[in-house]
Amino acid sequence: MKQTKSGKSDIILHTLNPYDPEMQHYISLSKKIEQLMNNAEDENDSCIPIELVAEFCVLQEELYQKALKKNKEEAN
C-alpha cells in the first residue's frame, strides 16, 4: 500500500504476529483503503470515507505502541 505505507506500518508488520485478530483487521483496512484509492477517478475524488481513515489511524497507533513495547521488552 504505497500511499499509506509509513515507518509505523513497517514496524508493525515486522514486529507483531500477522495472525493476531487486530493485525488481521489492520491489514484488511489497509487493503480496503488501497482498493478504494486505486478505484478513484482522480486524486481529488473523495473515495475513502473519513470514518475508515480514522479507524485505520487509531488502530495503527495502537498497534505501533504495542510493537514499540514488544521491541523494548525483547531488547532487555
N, C-alpha and C. Protein backbone atom coordinates (compact mmCIF):
# COMPACT_ATOMS: atom_id res chain seq x y z
N MET A 1 0.84 -1.17 0.00
CA MET A 1 0.00 0.00 0.00
C MET A 1 0.88 1.23 0.00
N LYS A 2 1.24 1.69 -1.14
CA LYS A 2 2.23 2.74 -1.28
C LYS A 2 1.79 4.06 -0.66
N GLN A 3 0.53 4.43 -0.79
CA GLN A 3 0.08 5.72 -0.34
C GLN A 3 0.07 5.86 1.18
N THR A 4 -0.16 4.78 1.91
CA THR A 4 -0.23 4.88 3.37
C THR A 4 0.91 4.14 4.07
N LYS A 5 1.85 3.61 3.34
CA LYS A 5 3.00 2.96 3.96
C LYS A 5 3.77 4.01 4.74
N SER A 6 4.20 3.63 5.89
CA SER A 6 4.98 4.54 6.71
C SER A 6 5.95 3.73 7.53
N GLY A 7 6.80 4.42 8.24
CA GLY A 7 7.69 3.75 9.17
C GLY A 7 6.90 2.97 10.20
N LYS A 8 5.77 3.53 10.62
CA LYS A 8 4.92 2.84 11.60
C LYS A 8 4.42 1.52 11.03
N SER A 9 3.94 1.54 9.80
CA SER A 9 3.44 0.31 9.18
C SER A 9 4.54 -0.74 9.11
N ASP A 10 5.72 -0.33 8.71
CA ASP A 10 6.83 -1.27 8.61
C ASP A 10 7.15 -1.91 9.97
N ILE A 11 7.19 -1.08 11.00
CA ILE A 11 7.47 -1.59 12.34
C ILE A 11 6.39 -2.56 12.80
N ILE A 12 5.14 -2.17 12.57
CA ILE A 12 4.00 -3.02 12.96
C ILE A 12 4.08 -4.36 12.24
N LEU A 13 4.25 -4.32 10.92
CA LEU A 13 4.22 -5.53 10.11
C LEU A 13 5.40 -6.45 10.39
N HIS A 14 6.53 -5.90 10.81
CA HIS A 14 7.71 -6.72 11.06
C HIS A 14 7.84 -7.18 12.51
N THR A 15 7.01 -6.62 13.39
CA THR A 15 7.14 -6.93 14.81
C THR A 15 6.01 -7.81 15.35
N LEU A 16 4.80 -7.51 14.94
CA LEU A 16 3.64 -8.19 15.52
C LEU A 16 3.22 -9.41 14.71
N ASN A 17 2.49 -10.30 15.37
CA ASN A 17 2.02 -11.54 14.77
C ASN A 17 0.93 -11.23 13.73
N PRO A 18 1.15 -11.59 12.47
CA PRO A 18 0.15 -11.28 11.42
C PRO A 18 -1.15 -12.06 11.58
N TYR A 19 -1.17 -13.07 12.43
CA TYR A 19 -2.38 -13.86 12.64
C TYR A 19 -3.23 -13.36 13.80
N ASP A 20 -2.73 -12.37 14.52
CA ASP A 20 -3.49 -11.76 15.61
C ASP A 20 -4.72 -11.07 15.00
N PRO A 21 -5.89 -11.19 15.63
CA PRO A 21 -7.10 -10.58 15.06
C PRO A 21 -6.98 -9.08 14.79
N GLU A 22 -6.31 -8.35 15.68
CA GLU A 22 -6.12 -6.91 15.45
C GLU A 22 -5.26 -6.67 14.21
N MET A 23 -4.25 -7.50 14.04
CA MET A 23 -3.39 -7.36 12.86
C MET A 23 -4.16 -7.70 11.59
N GLN A 24 -5.00 -8.73 11.66
CA GLN A 24 -5.82 -9.10 10.51
C GLN A 24 -6.74 -7.94 10.13
N HIS A 25 -7.30 -7.29 11.12
CA HIS A 25 -8.18 -6.15 10.87
C HIS A 25 -7.39 -5.00 10.26
N TYR A 26 -6.20 -4.74 10.79
CA TYR A 26 -5.33 -3.68 10.28
C TYR A 26 -4.99 -3.93 8.82
N ILE A 27 -4.60 -5.13 8.50
CA ILE A 27 -4.24 -5.49 7.13
C ILE A 27 -5.46 -5.36 6.22
N SER A 28 -6.61 -5.80 6.71
CA SER A 28 -7.85 -5.70 5.95
C SER A 28 -8.21 -4.24 5.66
N LEU A 29 -8.11 -3.39 6.67
CA LEU A 29 -8.39 -1.97 6.46
C LEU A 29 -7.41 -1.36 5.46
N SER A 30 -6.16 -1.73 5.59
CA SER A 30 -5.14 -1.22 4.68
C SER A 30 -5.45 -1.60 3.23
N LYS A 31 -5.83 -2.84 3.03
CA LYS A 31 -6.17 -3.31 1.68
C LYS A 31 -7.42 -2.62 1.15
N LYS A 32 -8.41 -2.42 2.03
CA LYS A 32 -9.65 -1.75 1.63
C LYS A 32 -9.37 -0.31 1.19
N ILE A 33 -8.55 0.40 1.96
CA ILE A 33 -8.20 1.78 1.62
C ILE A 33 -7.44 1.81 0.30
N GLU A 34 -6.50 0.89 0.14
CA GLU A 34 -5.74 0.83 -1.10
C GLU A 34 -6.66 0.58 -2.29
N GLN A 35 -7.59 -0.34 -2.13
CA GLN A 35 -8.53 -0.65 -3.21
C GLN A 35 -9.37 0.57 -3.56
N LEU A 36 -9.86 1.27 -2.56
CA LEU A 36 -10.66 2.47 -2.81
C LEU A 36 -9.85 3.55 -3.51
N MET A 37 -8.58 3.70 -3.11
CA MET A 37 -7.72 4.69 -3.75
C MET A 37 -7.45 4.32 -5.21
N ASN A 38 -7.25 3.04 -5.45
CA ASN A 38 -6.99 2.60 -6.82
C ASN A 38 -8.20 2.77 -7.72
N ASN A 39 -9.40 2.70 -7.13
CA ASN A 39 -10.63 2.85 -7.90
C ASN A 39 -11.06 4.30 -8.09
N ALA A 40 -10.37 5.23 -7.44
CA ALA A 40 -10.71 6.65 -7.55
C ALA A 40 -10.47 7.13 -8.98
N GLU A 41 -11.31 8.03 -9.42
CA GLU A 41 -11.16 8.57 -10.77
C GLU A 41 -9.98 9.51 -10.89
N ASP A 42 -9.71 10.28 -9.85
CA ASP A 42 -8.54 11.14 -9.82
C ASP A 42 -8.15 11.39 -8.37
N GLU A 43 -7.07 12.12 -8.16
CA GLU A 43 -6.56 12.32 -6.80
C GLU A 43 -7.48 13.19 -5.93
N ASN A 44 -8.41 13.89 -6.55
CA ASN A 44 -9.34 14.72 -5.79
C ASN A 44 -10.66 14.02 -5.50
N ASP A 45 -10.80 12.81 -5.97
CA ASP A 45 -12.02 12.03 -5.74
C ASP A 45 -12.10 11.66 -4.26
N SER A 46 -13.22 11.98 -3.63
CA SER A 46 -13.38 11.65 -2.20
C SER A 46 -13.88 10.22 -2.08
N CYS A 47 -12.99 9.30 -2.36
CA CYS A 47 -13.35 7.89 -2.49
C CYS A 47 -13.29 7.11 -1.19
N ILE A 48 -12.67 7.67 -0.16
CA ILE A 48 -12.49 6.93 1.09
C ILE A 48 -13.25 7.63 2.21
N PRO A 49 -14.19 6.93 2.83
CA PRO A 49 -14.92 7.53 3.95
C PRO A 49 -13.97 7.90 5.08
N ILE A 50 -14.16 9.08 5.64
CA ILE A 50 -13.28 9.57 6.70
C ILE A 50 -13.31 8.65 7.91
N GLU A 51 -14.44 7.98 8.14
CA GLU A 51 -14.54 7.06 9.26
C GLU A 51 -13.58 5.89 9.10
N LEU A 52 -13.41 5.44 7.85
CA LEU A 52 -12.49 4.34 7.56
C LEU A 52 -11.05 4.77 7.81
N VAL A 53 -10.73 5.98 7.39
CA VAL A 53 -9.38 6.51 7.61
C VAL A 53 -9.12 6.68 9.11
N ALA A 54 -10.10 7.20 9.81
CA ALA A 54 -9.94 7.40 11.26
C ALA A 54 -9.74 6.07 11.98
N GLU A 55 -10.54 5.08 11.62
CA GLU A 55 -10.41 3.76 12.24
C GLU A 55 -9.02 3.18 11.97
N PHE A 56 -8.55 3.33 10.74
CA PHE A 56 -7.22 2.83 10.37
C PHE A 56 -6.13 3.54 11.19
N CYS A 57 -6.24 4.86 11.29
CA CYS A 57 -5.21 5.63 12.00
C CYS A 57 -5.17 5.29 13.50
N VAL A 58 -6.35 5.14 14.11
CA VAL A 58 -6.40 4.80 15.53
C VAL A 58 -5.80 3.41 15.76
N LEU A 59 -6.21 2.46 14.93
CA LEU A 59 -5.68 1.10 15.06
C LEU A 59 -4.18 1.06 14.80
N GLN A 60 -3.73 1.83 13.80
CA GLN A 60 -2.30 1.87 13.51
C GLN A 60 -1.52 2.39 14.71
N GLU A 61 -2.01 3.42 15.36
CA GLU A 61 -1.30 3.97 16.52
C GLU A 61 -1.27 2.97 17.67
N GLU A 62 -2.39 2.28 17.91
CA GLU A 62 -2.44 1.27 18.97
C GLU A 62 -1.44 0.14 18.70
N LEU A 63 -1.43 -0.34 17.47
CA LEU A 63 -0.51 -1.43 17.11
C LEU A 63 0.94 -0.96 17.14
N TYR A 64 1.17 0.28 16.74
CA TYR A 64 2.53 0.83 16.77
C TYR A 64 3.05 0.87 18.21
N GLN A 65 2.21 1.29 19.14
CA GLN A 65 2.62 1.32 20.54
C GLN A 65 2.91 -0.09 21.06
N LYS A 66 2.09 -1.06 20.66
CA LYS A 66 2.34 -2.46 21.05
C LYS A 66 3.67 -2.95 20.47
N ALA A 67 3.93 -2.60 19.22
CA ALA A 67 5.17 -3.03 18.57
C ALA A 67 6.38 -2.41 19.26
N LEU A 68 6.29 -1.13 19.61
CA LEU A 68 7.39 -0.48 20.31
C LEU A 68 7.64 -1.14 21.66
N LYS A 69 6.56 -1.44 22.37
CA LYS A 69 6.68 -2.10 23.68
C LYS A 69 7.32 -3.47 23.52
N LYS A 70 6.89 -4.22 22.51
CA LYS A 70 7.46 -5.56 22.28
C LYS A 70 8.95 -5.46 21.94
N ASN A 71 9.31 -4.51 21.10
CA ASN A 71 10.73 -4.33 20.74
C ASN A 71 11.56 -3.96 21.97
N LYS A 72 10.99 -3.10 22.83
CA LYS A 72 11.71 -2.70 24.04
C LYS A 72 11.89 -3.88 24.98
N GLU A 73 10.85 -4.70 25.14
CA GLU A 73 10.94 -5.88 26.01
C GLU A 73 11.96 -6.88 25.48
N GLU A 74 11.98 -7.06 24.16
CA GLU A 74 12.92 -8.00 23.58
C GLU A 74 14.36 -7.51 23.68
N ALA A 75 14.53 -6.20 23.72
CA ALA A 75 15.88 -5.62 23.83
C ALA A 75 16.44 -5.80 25.24
N ASN A 76 15.56 -5.91 26.22
CA ASN A 76 16.01 -6.05 27.61
C ASN A 76 16.27 -7.46 27.97
